Amino acid sequence: GSLGSPYAASDYTSINPEFGTMNDFKHMVNEAHRLGFKVIIDWV
C-alpha cells in the first residue's frame, strides 16, 4: 500500500514519524502512567 505495514520495521529503536517524535511518545507514556494506565508495545 501507500503507507506500509507497521509490522515491517526499518529500525527497532526509533519512532515512526507518521505518529510523531520520540518525545511525543515519552510524553504520552508519562501521561498514561499519570492517569493510572499500564502501557505495552507491539514487538516484532
PDB file of all heavy atoms in Angstrom:
ATOM      1  N   GLY A   1       0.817  -1.201   0.000  1.00  0.00           N
ATOM      2  CA  GLY A   1       0.000   0.000   0.000  1.00  0.00           C
ATOM      3  C   GLY A   1       0.851   1.252   0.000  1.00  0.00           C
ATOM      4  O   GLY A   1       2.057   1.210  -0.241  1.00  0.00           O
ATOM      5  N   SER A   2       0.206   2.390   0.294  1.00  0.00           N
ATOM      6  CA  SER A   2       0.949   3.652   0.267  1.00  0.00           C
ATOM      7  C   SER A   2       1.661   3.930   1.574  1.00  0.00           C
ATOM      8  O   SER A   2       2.645   4.680   1.598  1.00  0.00           O
ATOM      9  CB  SER A   2      -0.016   4.809  -0.051  1.00  0.00           C
ATOM     10  OG  SER A   2      -0.998   4.942   0.965  1.00  0.00           O
ATOM     11  N   LEU A   3       1.222   3.314   2.681  1.00  0.00           N
ATOM     12  CA  LEU A   3       1.818   3.589   3.984  1.00  0.00           C
ATOM     13  C   LEU A   3       2.620   2.419   4.540  1.00  0.00           C
ATOM     14  O   LEU A   3       3.460   2.607   5.416  1.00  0.00           O
ATOM     15  CB  LEU A   3       0.731   3.995   4.987  1.00  0.00           C
ATOM     16  CG  LEU A   3      -0.004   5.306   4.688  1.00  0.00           C
ATOM     17  CD1 LEU A   3      -1.083   5.562   5.727  1.00  0.00           C
ATOM     18  CD2 LEU A   3       0.972   6.468   4.635  1.00  0.00           C
ATOM     19  N   GLY A   4       2.353   1.221   4.065  1.00  0.00           N
ATOM     20  CA  GLY A   4       3.090   0.059   4.546  1.00  0.00           C
ATOM     21  C   GLY A   4       2.538  -0.496   5.846  1.00  0.00           C
ATOM     22  O   GLY A   4       1.660   0.083   6.489  1.00  0.00           O
ATOM     23  N   SER A   5       3.098  -1.639   6.239  1.00  0.00           N
ATOM     24  CA  SER A   5       2.653  -2.325   7.452  1.00  0.00           C
ATOM     25  C   SER A   5       3.516  -1.925   8.636  1.00  0.00           C
ATOM     26  O   SER A   5       4.744  -1.953   8.556  1.00  0.00           O
ATOM     27  CB  SER A   5       2.742  -3.840   7.265  1.00  0.00           C
ATOM     28  OG  SER A   5       2.580  -4.497   8.510  1.00  0.00           O
ATOM     29  N   PRO A   6       2.894  -1.594   9.777  1.00  0.00           N
ATOM     30  CA  PRO A   6       3.681  -1.311  10.976  1.00  0.00           C
ATOM     31  C   PRO A   6       4.486  -2.514  11.447  1.00  0.00           C
ATOM     32  O   PRO A   6       5.397  -2.369  12.269  1.00  0.00           O
ATOM     33  CB  PRO A   6       2.631  -0.923  12.020  1.00  0.00           C
ATOM     34  CG  PRO A   6       1.317  -0.930  11.364  1.00  0.00           C
ATOM     35  CD  PRO A   6       1.468  -1.468   9.976  1.00  0.00           C
ATOM     36  N   TYR A   7       4.171  -3.706  10.931  1.00  0.00           N
ATOM     37  CA  TYR A   7       4.865  -4.927  11.332  1.00  0.00           C
ATOM     38  C   TYR A   7       6.082  -5.216  10.447  1.00  0.00           C
ATOM     39  O   TYR A   7       6.652  -6.300  10.523  1.00  0.00           O
ATOM     40  CB  TYR A   7       3.887  -6.098  11.345  1.00  0.00           C
ATOM     41  CG  TYR A   7       2.858  -5.932  12.433  1.00  0.00           C
ATOM     42  CD1 TYR A   7       1.688  -5.202  12.201  1.00  0.00           C
ATOM     43  CD2 TYR A   7       3.070  -6.445  13.710  1.00  0.00           C
ATOM     44  CE1 TYR A   7       0.757  -5.004  13.217  1.00  0.00           C
ATOM     45  CE2 TYR A   7       2.144  -6.254  14.724  1.00  0.00           C
ATOM     46  CZ  TYR A   7       0.996  -5.530  14.473  1.00  0.00           C
ATOM     47  OH  TYR A   7       0.081  -5.317  15.480  1.00  0.00           O
ATOM     48  N   ALA A   8       6.461  -4.230   9.609  1.00  0.00           N
ATOM     49  CA  ALA A   8       7.673  -4.347   8.784  1.00  0.00           C
ATOM     50  C   ALA A   8       8.598  -3.198   9.167  1.00  0.00           C
ATOM     51  O   ALA A   8       8.640  -2.157   8.504  1.00  0.00           O
ATOM     52  CB  ALA A   8       7.309  -4.286   7.299  1.00  0.00           C
ATOM     53  N   ALA A   9       9.354  -3.378  10.244  1.00  0.00           N
ATOM     54  CA  ALA A   9      10.153  -2.295  10.811  1.00  0.00           C
ATOM     55  C   ALA A   9      11.409  -2.012  10.001  1.00  0.00           C
ATOM     56  O   ALA A   9      11.992  -2.913   9.387  1.00  0.00           O
ATOM     57  CB  ALA A   9      10.539  -2.634  12.252  1.00  0.00           C
ATOM     58  N   SER A  10      11.838  -0.753  10.038  1.00  0.00           N
ATOM     59  CA  SER A  10      13.116  -0.386   9.427  1.00  0.00           C
ATOM     60  C   SER A  10      14.169  -0.054  10.481  1.00  0.00           C
ATOM     61  O   SER A  10      15.337   0.127  10.154  1.00  0.00           O
ATOM     62  CB  SER A  10      12.939   0.817   8.489  1.00  0.00           C
ATOM     63  OG  SER A  10      12.560   1.966   9.223  1.00  0.00           O
ATOM     64  N   ASP A  11      13.752   0.025  11.746  1.00  0.00           N
ATOM     65  CA  ASP A  11      14.682   0.334  12.838  1.00  0.00           C
ATOM     66  C   ASP A  11      13.970  -0.007  14.142  1.00  0.00           C
ATOM     67  O   ASP A  11      12.820   0.400  14.337  1.00  0.00           O
ATOM     68  CB  ASP A  11      15.069   1.815  12.804  1.00  0.00           C
ATOM     69  CG  ASP A  11      16.107   2.189  13.851  1.00  0.00           C
ATOM     70  OD1 ASP A  11      16.487   1.314  14.655  1.00  0.00           O
ATOM     71  OD2 ASP A  11      16.527   3.361  13.865  1.00  0.00           O
ATOM     72  N   TYR A  12      14.636  -0.763  15.004  1.00  0.00           N
ATOM     73  CA  TYR A  12      13.984  -1.191  16.250  1.00  0.00           C
ATOM     74  C   TYR A  12      14.027  -0.143  17.365  1.00  0.00           C
ATOM     75  O   TYR A  12      13.350  -0.313  18.376  1.00  0.00           O
ATOM     76  CB  TYR A  12      14.639  -2.475  16.762  1.00  0.00           C
ATOM     77  CG  TYR A  12      14.123  -3.741  16.113  1.00  0.00           C
ATOM     78  CD1 TYR A  12      14.993  -4.597  15.452  1.00  0.00           C
ATOM     79  CD2 TYR A  12      12.773  -4.084  16.173  1.00  0.00           C
ATOM     80  CE1 TYR A  12      14.541  -5.777  14.866  1.00  0.00           C
ATOM     81  CE2 TYR A  12      12.301  -5.249  15.584  1.00  0.00           C
ATOM     82  CZ  TYR A  12      13.186  -6.095  14.935  1.00  0.00           C
ATOM     83  OH  TYR A  12      12.728  -7.245  14.356  1.00  0.00           O
ATOM     84  N   THR A  13      14.822   0.900  17.214  1.00  0.00           N
ATOM     85  CA  THR A  13      14.973   1.842  18.326  1.00  0.00           C
ATOM     86  C   THR A  13      14.639   3.279  17.923  1.00  0.00           C
ATOM     87  O   THR A  13      15.181   4.233  18.474  1.00  0.00           O
ATOM     88  CB  THR A  13      16.402   1.778  18.907  1.00  0.00           C
ATOM     89  OG1 THR A  13      17.352   1.997  17.860  1.00  0.00           O
ATOM     90  CG2 THR A  13      16.656   0.434  19.562  1.00  0.00           C
ATOM     91  N   SER A  14      13.734   3.434  16.961  1.00  0.00           N
ATOM     92  CA  SER A  14      13.272   4.757  16.552  1.00  0.00           C
ATOM     93  C   SER A  14      11.747   4.767  16.487  1.00  0.00           C
ATOM     94  O   SER A  14      11.112   3.716  16.534  1.00  0.00           O
ATOM     95  CB  SER A  14      13.849   5.147  15.181  1.00  0.00           C
ATOM     96  OG  SER A  14      15.257   5.179  15.219  1.00  0.00           O
ATOM     97  N   ILE A  15      11.197   5.965  16.362  1.00  0.00           N
ATOM     98  CA  ILE A  15       9.747   6.147  16.293  1.00  0.00           C
ATOM     99  C   ILE A  15       9.307   6.376  14.854  1.00  0.00           C
ATOM    100  O   ILE A  15       9.968   7.093  14.086  1.00  0.00           O
ATOM    101  CB  ILE A  15       9.320   7.360  17.166  1.00  0.00           C
ATOM    102  CG1 ILE A  15       9.320   6.973  18.649  1.00  0.00           C
ATOM    103  CG2 ILE A  15       7.950   7.877  16.777  1.00  0.00           C
ATOM    104  CD1 ILE A  15       8.176   6.065  19.072  1.00  0.00           C
ATOM    105  N   ASN A  16       8.196   5.805  14.482  1.00  0.00           N
ATOM    106  CA  ASN A  16       7.586   6.057  13.181  1.00  0.00           C
ATOM    107  C   ASN A  16       7.185   7.533  13.105  1.00  0.00           C
ATOM    108  O   ASN A  16       6.319   7.976  13.861  1.00  0.00           O
ATOM    109  CB  ASN A  16       6.353   5.166  13.023  1.00  0.00           C
ATOM    110  CG  ASN A  16       5.688   5.301  11.667  1.00  0.00           C
ATOM    111  OD1 ASN A  16       6.046   6.165  10.874  1.00  0.00           O
ATOM    112  ND2 ASN A  16       4.708   4.450  11.410  1.00  0.00           N
ATOM    113  N   PRO A  17       7.785   8.317  12.212  1.00  0.00           N
ATOM    114  CA  PRO A  17       7.450   9.745  12.143  1.00  0.00           C
ATOM    115  C   PRO A  17       5.997  10.007  11.796  1.00  0.00           C
ATOM    116  O   PRO A  17       5.484  11.101  12.046  1.00  0.00           O
ATOM    117  CB  PRO A  17       8.399  10.274  11.047  1.00  0.00           C
ATOM    118  CG  PRO A  17       8.795   9.071  10.253  1.00  0.00           C
ATOM    119  CD  PRO A  17       8.802   7.923  11.219  1.00  0.00           C
ATOM    120  N   GLU A  18       5.326   9.007  11.227  1.00  0.00           N
ATOM    121  CA  GLU A  18       3.892   9.125  10.961  1.00  0.00           C
ATOM    122  C   GLU A  18       3.126   9.427  12.254  1.00  0.00           C
ATOM    123  O   GLU A  18       2.094  10.109  12.242  1.00  0.00           O
ATOM    124  CB  GLU A  18       3.397   7.808  10.340  1.00  0.00           C
ATOM    125  CG  GLU A  18       1.914   7.736  10.041  1.00  0.00           C
ATOM    126  CD  GLU A  18       1.495   6.337   9.590  1.00  0.00           C
ATOM    127  OE1 GLU A  18       2.375   5.524   9.223  1.00  0.00           O
ATOM    128  OE2 GLU A  18       0.282   6.041   9.623  1.00  0.00           O
ATOM    129  N   PHE A  19       3.640   8.915  13.383  1.00  0.00           N
ATOM    130  CA  PHE A  19       2.945   9.052  14.658  1.00  0.00           C
ATOM    131  C   PHE A  19       3.447  10.218  15.502  1.00  0.00           C
ATOM    132  O   PHE A  19       2.810  10.569  16.499  1.00  0.00           O
ATOM    133  CB  PHE A  19       3.093   7.766  15.483  1.00  0.00           C
ATOM    134  CG  PHE A  19       2.591   6.527  14.799  1.00  0.00           C
ATOM    135  CD1 PHE A  19       3.155   5.284  15.095  1.00  0.00           C
ATOM    136  CD2 PHE A  19       1.565   6.583  13.866  1.00  0.00           C
ATOM    137  CE1 PHE A  19       2.699   4.133  14.474  1.00  0.00           C
ATOM    138  CE2 PHE A  19       1.102   5.433  13.235  1.00  0.00           C
ATOM    139  CZ  PHE A  19       1.675   4.199  13.540  1.00  0.00           C
ATOM    140  N   GLY A  20       4.604  10.784  15.156  1.00  0.00           N
ATOM    141  CA  GLY A  20       5.166  11.865  15.955  1.00  0.00           C
ATOM    142  C   GLY A  20       6.635  11.632  16.232  1.00  0.00           C
ATOM    143  O   GLY A  20       7.332  10.971  15.460  1.00  0.00           O
ATOM    144  N   THR A  21       7.100  12.155  17.348  1.00  0.00           N
ATOM    145  CA  THR A  21       8.514  12.049  17.712  1.00  0.00           C
ATOM    146  C   THR A  21       8.673  11.139  18.929  1.00  0.00           C
ATOM    147  O   THR A  21       7.699  10.776  19.594  1.00  0.00           O
ATOM    148  CB  THR A  21       9.071  13.429  18.065  1.00  0.00           C
ATOM    149  OG1 THR A  21       8.420  13.907  19.263  1.00  0.00           O
ATOM    150  CG2 THR A  21       8.841  14.425  16.935  1.00  0.00           C
ATOM    151  N   MET A  22       9.923  10.816  19.239  1.00  0.00           N
ATOM    152  CA  MET A  22      10.196  10.037  20.435  1.00  0.00           C
ATOM    153  C   MET A  22       9.727  10.798  21.679  1.00  0.00           C
ATOM    154  O   MET A  22       9.171  10.198  22.614  1.00  0.00           O
ATOM    155  CB  MET A  22      11.683   9.719  20.540  1.00  0.00           C
ATOM    156  CG  MET A  22      12.066   8.862  21.744  1.00  0.00           C
ATOM    157  SD  MET A  22      11.365   7.178  21.696  1.00  0.00           S
ATOM    158  CE  MET A  22      12.468   6.398  20.503  1.00  0.00           C
ATOM    159  N   ASN A  23       9.915  12.099  21.697  1.00  0.00           N
ATOM    160  CA  ASN A  23       9.444  12.884  22.836  1.00  0.00           C
ATOM    161  C   ASN A  23       7.923  12.845  22.953  1.00  0.00           C
ATOM    162  O   ASN A  23       7.381  12.834  24.058  1.00  0.00           O
ATOM    163  CB  ASN A  23       9.930  14.334  22.730  1.00  0.00           C
ATOM    164  CG  ASN A  23      11.390  14.478  23.118  1.00  0.00           C
ATOM    165  OD1 ASN A  23      11.926  13.635  23.840  1.00  0.00           O
ATOM    166  ND2 ASN A  23      12.035  15.526  22.632  1.00  0.00           N
ATOM    167  N   ASP A  24       7.232  12.831  21.808  1.00  0.00           N
ATOM    168  CA  ASP A  24       5.769  12.697  21.833  1.00  0.00           C
ATOM    169  C   ASP A  24       5.368  11.370  22.481  1.00  0.00           C
ATOM    170  O   ASP A  24       4.433  11.313  23.281  1.00  0.00           O
ATOM    171  CB  ASP A  24       5.185  12.752  20.423  1.00  0.00           C
ATOM    172  CG  ASP A  24       5.324  14.111  19.779  1.00  0.00           C
ATOM    173  OD1 ASP A  24       5.494  15.109  20.504  1.00  0.00           O
ATOM    174  OD2 ASP A  24       5.267  14.180  18.517  1.00  0.00           O
ATOM    175  N   PHE A  25       6.084  10.314  22.108  1.00  0.00           N
ATOM    176  CA  PHE A  25       5.763   9.002  22.668  1.00  0.00           C
ATOM    177  C   PHE A  25       6.031   8.982  24.171  1.00  0.00           C
ATOM    178  O   PHE A  25       5.204   8.497  24.952  1.00  0.00           O
ATOM    179  CB  PHE A  25       6.564   7.907  21.970  1.00  0.00           C
ATOM    180  CG  PHE A  25       6.268   6.524  22.485  1.00  0.00           C
ATOM    181  CD1 PHE A  25       5.084   5.889  22.150  1.00  0.00           C
ATOM    182  CD2 PHE A  25       7.158   5.859  23.321  1.00  0.00           C
ATOM    183  CE1 PHE A  25       4.783   4.621  22.633  1.00  0.00           C
ATOM    184  CE2 PHE A  25       6.871   4.598  23.812  1.00  0.00           C
ATOM    185  CZ  PHE A  25       5.680   3.981  23.468  1.00  0.00           C
ATOM    186  N   LYS A  26       7.183   9.498  24.577  1.00  0.00           N
ATOM    187  CA  LYS A  26       7.508   9.523  26.004  1.00  0.00           C
ATOM    188  C   LYS A  26       6.478  10.334  26.790  1.00  0.00           C
ATOM    189  O   LYS A  26       6.069   9.939  27.887  1.00  0.00           O
ATOM    190  CB  LYS A  26       8.903  10.106  26.213  1.00  0.00           C
ATOM    191  CG  LYS A  26      10.032   9.212  25.731  1.00  0.00           C
ATOM    192  CD  LYS A  26      11.386   9.884  25.957  1.00  0.00           C
ATOM    193  CE  LYS A  26      12.536   9.020  25.485  1.00  0.00           C
ATOM    194  NZ  LYS A  26      13.849   9.675  25.700  1.00  0.00           N
ATOM    195  N   HIS A  27       6.071  11.456  26.227  1.00  0.00           N
ATOM    196  CA  HIS A  27       5.068  12.292  26.893  1.00  0.00           C
ATOM    197  C   HIS A  27       3.765  11.529  27.055  1.00  0.00           C
ATOM    198  O   HIS A  27       3.113  11.585  28.122  1.00  0.00           O
ATOM    199  CB  HIS A  27       4.845  13.578  26.092  1.00  0.00           C
ATOM    200  CG  HIS A  27       3.954  14.575  26.779  1.00  0.00           C
ATOM    201  ND1 HIS A  27       2.571  14.489  26.761  1.00  0.00           N
ATOM    202  CD2 HIS A  27       4.256  15.663  27.533  1.00  0.00           C
ATOM    203  CE1 HIS A  27       2.054  15.492  27.453  1.00  0.00           C
ATOM    204  NE2 HIS A  27       3.064  16.222  27.941  1.00  0.00           N
ATOM    205  N   MET A  28       3.374  10.813  26.006  1.00  0.00           N
ATOM    206  CA  MET A  28       2.136  10.045  26.069  1.00  0.00           C
ATOM    207  C   MET A  28       2.229   8.934  27.116  1.00  0.00           C
ATOM    208  O   MET A  28       1.273   8.697  27.881  1.00  0.00           O
ATOM    209  CB  MET A  28       1.825   9.439  24.697  1.00  0.00           C
ATOM    210  CG  MET A  28       0.528   8.653  24.644  1.00  0.00           C
ATOM    211  SD  MET A  28       0.313   7.839  23.047  1.00  0.00           S
ATOM    212  CE  MET A  28       1.663   6.645  23.091  1.00  0.00           C
ATOM    213  N   VAL A  29       3.359   8.233  27.177  1.00  0.00           N
ATOM    214  CA  VAL A  29       3.539   7.182  28.181  1.00  0.00           C
ATOM    215  C   VAL A  29       3.478   7.774  29.585  1.00  0.00           C
ATOM    216  O   VAL A  29       2.819   7.223  30.478  1.00  0.00           O
ATOM    217  CB  VAL A  29       4.867   6.428  27.958  1.00  0.00           C
ATOM    218  CG1 VAL A  29       5.132   5.462  29.109  1.00  0.00           C
ATOM    219  CG2 VAL A  29       4.838   5.675  26.634  1.00  0.00           C
ATOM    220  N   ASN A  30       4.136   8.907  29.781  1.00  0.00           N
ATOM    221  CA  ASN A  30       4.109   9.549  31.091  1.00  0.00           C
ATOM    222  C   ASN A  30       2.695   9.965  31.478  1.00  0.00           C
ATOM    223  O   ASN A  30       2.276   9.811  32.632  1.00  0.00           O
ATOM    224  CB  ASN A  30       5.028  10.776  31.103  1.00  0.00           C
ATOM    225  CG  ASN A  30       6.497  10.403  31.074  1.00  0.00           C
ATOM    226  OD1 ASN A  30       6.868   9.298  31.447  1.00  0.00           O
ATOM    227  ND2 ASN A  30       7.342  11.315  30.609  1.00  0.00           N
ATOM    228  N   GLU A  31       1.947  10.494  30.517  1.00  0.00           N
ATOM    229  CA  GLU A  31       0.564  10.893  30.792  1.00  0.00           C
ATOM    230  C   GLU A  31      -0.300   9.669  31.073  1.00  0.00           C
ATOM    231  O   GLU A  31      -1.166   9.698  31.957  1.00  0.00           O
ATOM    232  CB  GLU A  31       0.012  11.684  29.604  1.00  0.00           C
ATOM    233  CG  GLU A  31      -1.423  12.159  29.764  1.00  0.00           C
ATOM    234  CD  GLU A  31      -1.627  13.149  30.901  1.00  0.00           C
ATOM    235  OE1 GLU A  31      -0.639  13.628  31.492  1.00  0.00           O
ATOM    236  OE2 GLU A  31      -2.800  13.441  31.219  1.00  0.00           O
ATOM    237  N   ALA A  32      -0.061   8.607  30.335  1.00  0.00           N
ATOM    238  CA  ALA A  32      -0.800   7.362  30.588  1.00  0.00           C
ATOM    239  C   ALA A  32      -0.536   6.873  32.009  1.00  0.00           C
ATOM    240  O   ALA A  32      -1.469   6.475  32.726  1.00  0.00           O
ATOM    241  CB  ALA A  32      -0.406   6.300  29.567  1.00  0.00           C
ATOM    242  N   HIS A  33       0.708   6.892  32.417  1.00  0.00           N
ATOM    243  CA  HIS A  33       1.040   6.471  33.777  1.00  0.00           C
ATOM    244  C   HIS A  33       0.401   7.384  34.813  1.00  0.00           C
ATOM    245  O   HIS A  33      -0.090   6.930  35.855  1.00  0.00           O
ATOM    246  CB  HIS A  33       2.561   6.444  33.955  1.00  0.00           C
ATOM    247  CG  HIS A  33       3.219   5.276  33.297  1.00  0.00           C
ATOM    248  ND1 HIS A  33       4.556   5.264  32.944  1.00  0.00           N
ATOM    249  CD2 HIS A  33       2.724   4.069  32.903  1.00  0.00           C
ATOM    250  CE1 HIS A  33       4.856   4.099  32.386  1.00  0.00           C
ATOM    251  NE2 HIS A  33       3.759   3.361  32.347  1.00  0.00           N
ATOM    252  N   ARG A  34       0.368   8.689  34.540  1.00  0.00           N
ATOM    253  CA  ARG A  34      -0.259   9.628  35.474  1.00  0.00           C
ATOM    254  C   ARG A  34      -1.737   9.307  35.645  1.00  0.00           C
ATOM    255  O   ARG A  34      -2.296   9.428  36.752  1.00  0.00           O
ATOM    256  CB  ARG A  34      -0.090  11.056  34.966  1.00  0.00           C
ATOM    257  CG  ARG A  34      -0.571  12.119  35.966  1.00  0.00           C
ATOM    258  CD  ARG A  34      -0.548  13.500  35.350  1.00  0.00           C
ATOM    259  NE  ARG A  34      -1.588  13.665  34.342  1.00  0.00           N
ATOM    260  CZ  ARG A  34      -2.878  13.907  34.632  1.00  0.00           C
ATOM    261  NH1 ARG A  34      -3.290  13.977  35.888  1.00  0.00           N
ATOM    262  NH2 ARG A  34      -3.754  14.057  33.651  1.00  0.00           N
ATOM    263  N   LEU A  35      -2.370   8.858  34.566  1.00  0.00           N
ATOM    264  CA  LEU A  35      -3.794   8.513  34.619  1.00  0.00           C
ATOM    265  C   LEU A  35      -4.043   7.130  35.199  1.00  0.00           C
ATOM    266  O   LEU A  35      -5.200   6.750  35.415  1.00  0.00           O
ATOM    267  CB  LEU A  35      -4.394   8.593  33.206  1.00  0.00           C
ATOM    268  CG  LEU A  35      -4.529   9.995  32.606  1.00  0.00           C
ATOM    269  CD1 LEU A  35      -4.916   9.918  31.134  1.00  0.00           C
ATOM    270  CD2 LEU A  35      -5.558  10.820  33.380  1.00  0.00           C
ATOM    271  N   GLY A  36      -2.977   6.373  35.424  1.00  0.00           N
ATOM    272  CA  GLY A  36      -3.130   5.049  36.023  1.00  0.00           C
ATOM    273  C   GLY A  36      -3.072   3.893  35.060  1.00  0.00           C
ATOM    274  O   GLY A  36      -3.286   2.743  35.452  1.00  0.00           O
ATOM    275  N   PHE A  37      -2.799   4.160  33.781  1.00  0.00           N
ATOM    276  CA  PHE A  37      -2.689   3.085  32.797  1.00  0.00           C
ATOM    277  C   PHE A  37      -1.329   2.386  32.901  1.00  0.00           C
ATOM    278  O   PHE A  37      -0.335   2.983  33.316  1.00  0.00           O
ATOM    279  CB  PHE A  37      -2.789   3.639  31.368  1.00  0.00           C
ATOM    280  CG  PHE A  37      -4.118   4.172  30.975  1.00  0.00           C
ATOM    281  CD1 PHE A  37      -4.308   5.536  30.818  1.00  0.00           C
ATOM    282  CD2 PHE A  37      -5.185   3.330  30.724  1.00  0.00           C
ATOM    283  CE1 PHE A  37      -5.533   6.051  30.423  1.00  0.00           C
ATOM    284  CE2 PHE A  37      -6.416   3.821  30.331  1.00  0.00           C
ATOM    285  CZ  PHE A  37      -6.590   5.192  30.185  1.00  0.00           C
ATOM    286  N   LYS A  38      -1.285   1.138  32.459  1.00  0.00           N
ATOM    287  CA  LYS A  38      -0.053   0.472  32.078  1.00  0.00           C
ATOM    288  C   LYS A  38       0.054   0.564  30.556  1.00  0.00           C
ATOM    289  O   LYS A  38      -0.968   0.638  29.858  1.00  0.00           O
ATOM    290  CB  LYS A  38      -0.048  -0.993  32.526  1.00  0.00           C
ATOM    291  CG  LYS A  38      -0.238  -1.189  34.023  1.00  0.00           C
ATOM    292  CD  LYS A  38       0.902  -0.625  34.823  1.00  0.00           C
ATOM    293  CE  LYS A  38       0.720  -0.905  36.314  1.00  0.00           C
ATOM    294  NZ  LYS A  38       1.814  -0.310  37.124  1.00  0.00           N
ATOM    295  N   VAL A  39       1.281   0.547  30.043  1.00  0.00           N
ATOM    296  CA  VAL A  39       1.499   0.679  28.602  1.00  0.00           C
ATOM    297  C   VAL A  39       2.373  -0.464  28.112  1.00  0.00           C
ATOM    298  O   VAL A  39       3.458  -0.705  28.653  1.00  0.00           O
ATOM    299  CB  VAL A  39       2.176   2.024  28.262  1.00  0.00           C
ATOM    300  CG1 VAL A  39       2.476   2.105  26.767  1.00  0.00           C
ATOM    301  CG2 VAL A  39       1.302   3.193  28.693  1.00  0.00           C
ATOM    302  N   ILE A  40       1.892  -1.179  27.087  1.00  0.00           N
ATOM    303  CA  ILE A  40       2.716  -2.193  26.436  1.00  0.00           C
ATOM    304  C   ILE A  40       2.782  -1.866  24.949  1.00  0.00           C
ATOM    305  O   ILE A  40       1.872  -1.239  24.399  1.00  0.00           O
ATOM    306  CB  ILE A  40       2.190  -3.633  26.660  1.00  0.00           C
ATOM    307  CG1 ILE A  40       0.826  -3.844  26.011  1.00  0.00           C
ATOM    308  CG2 ILE A  40       2.107  -3.941  28.153  1.00  0.00           C
ATOM    309  CD1 ILE A  40       0.310  -5.283  26.113  1.00  0.00           C
ATOM    310  N   ILE A  41       3.878  -2.264  24.312  1.00  0.00           N
ATOM    311  CA  ILE A  41       4.016  -2.016  22.882  1.00  0.00           C
ATOM    312  C   ILE A  41       4.180  -3.326  22.127  1.00  0.00           C
ATOM    313  O   ILE A  41       4.659  -4.319  22.665  1.00  0.00           O
ATOM    314  CB  ILE A  41       5.201  -1.073  22.561  1.00  0.00           C
ATOM    315  CG1 ILE A  41       6.539  -1.689  22.995  1.00  0.00           C
ATOM    316  CG2 ILE A  41       4.986   0.298  23.190  1.00  0.00           C
ATOM    317  CD1 ILE A  41       7.767  -0.908  22.514  1.00  0.00           C
ATOM    318  N   ASP A  42       3.753  -3.289  20.888  1.00  0.00           N
ATOM    319  CA  ASP A  42       3.891  -4.437  19.991  1.00  0.00           C
ATOM    320  C   ASP A  42       5.365  -4.634  19.671  1.00  0.00           C
ATOM    321  O   ASP A  42       6.060  -3.672  19.322  1.00  0.00           O
ATOM    322  CB  ASP A  42       3.124  -4.157  18.703  1.00  0.00           C
ATOM    323  CG  ASP A  42       2.291  -5.333  18.243  1.00  0.00           C
ATOM    324  OD1 ASP A  42       2.806  -6.458  18.290  1.00  0.00           O
ATOM    325  OD2 ASP A  42       1.136  -5.128  17.839  1.00  0.00           O
ATOM    326  N   TRP A  43       5.843  -5.878  19.785  1.00  0.00           N
ATOM    327  CA  TRP A  43       7.240  -6.148  19.458  1.00  0.00           C
ATOM    328  C   TRP A  43       7.318  -7.235  18.399  1.00  0.00           C
ATOM    329  O   TRP A  43       6.810  -8.339  18.590  1.00  0.00           O
ATOM    330  CB  TRP A  43       8.031  -6.563  20.690  1.00  0.00           C
ATOM    331  CG  TRP A  43       9.499  -6.485  20.394  1.00  0.00           C
ATOM    332  CD1 TRP A  43      10.353  -7.528  20.150  1.00  0.00           C
ATOM    333  CD2 TRP A  43      10.274  -5.298  20.258  1.00  0.00           C
ATOM    334  NE1 TRP A  43      11.613  -7.053  19.869  1.00  0.00           N
ATOM    335  CE2 TRP A  43      11.587  -5.683  19.927  1.00  0.00           C
ATOM    336  CE3 TRP A  43       9.981  -3.934  20.373  1.00  0.00           C
ATOM    337  CZ2 TRP A  43      12.613  -4.768  19.711  1.00  0.00           C
ATOM    338  CZ3 TRP A  43      11.000  -3.016  20.162  1.00  0.00           C
ATOM    339  CH2 TRP A  43      12.304  -3.441  19.853  1.00  0.00           C
ATOM    340  N   VAL A  44       7.969  -6.917  17.273  1.00  0.00           N
ATOM    341  CA  VAL A  44       8.019  -7.824  16.125  1.00  0.00           C
ATOM    342  C   VAL A  44       9.416  -8.411  16.042  1.00  0.00           C
ATOM    343  O   VAL A  44      10.298  -7.875  15.371  1.00  0.00           O
ATOM    344  CB  VAL A  44       7.641  -7.078  14.829  1.00  0.00           C
ATOM    345  CG1 VAL A  44       7.474  -8.084  13.682  1.00  0.00           C
ATOM    346  CG2 VAL A  44       6.364  -6.277  15.028  1.00  0.00           C
TER     347      VAL A  44
END
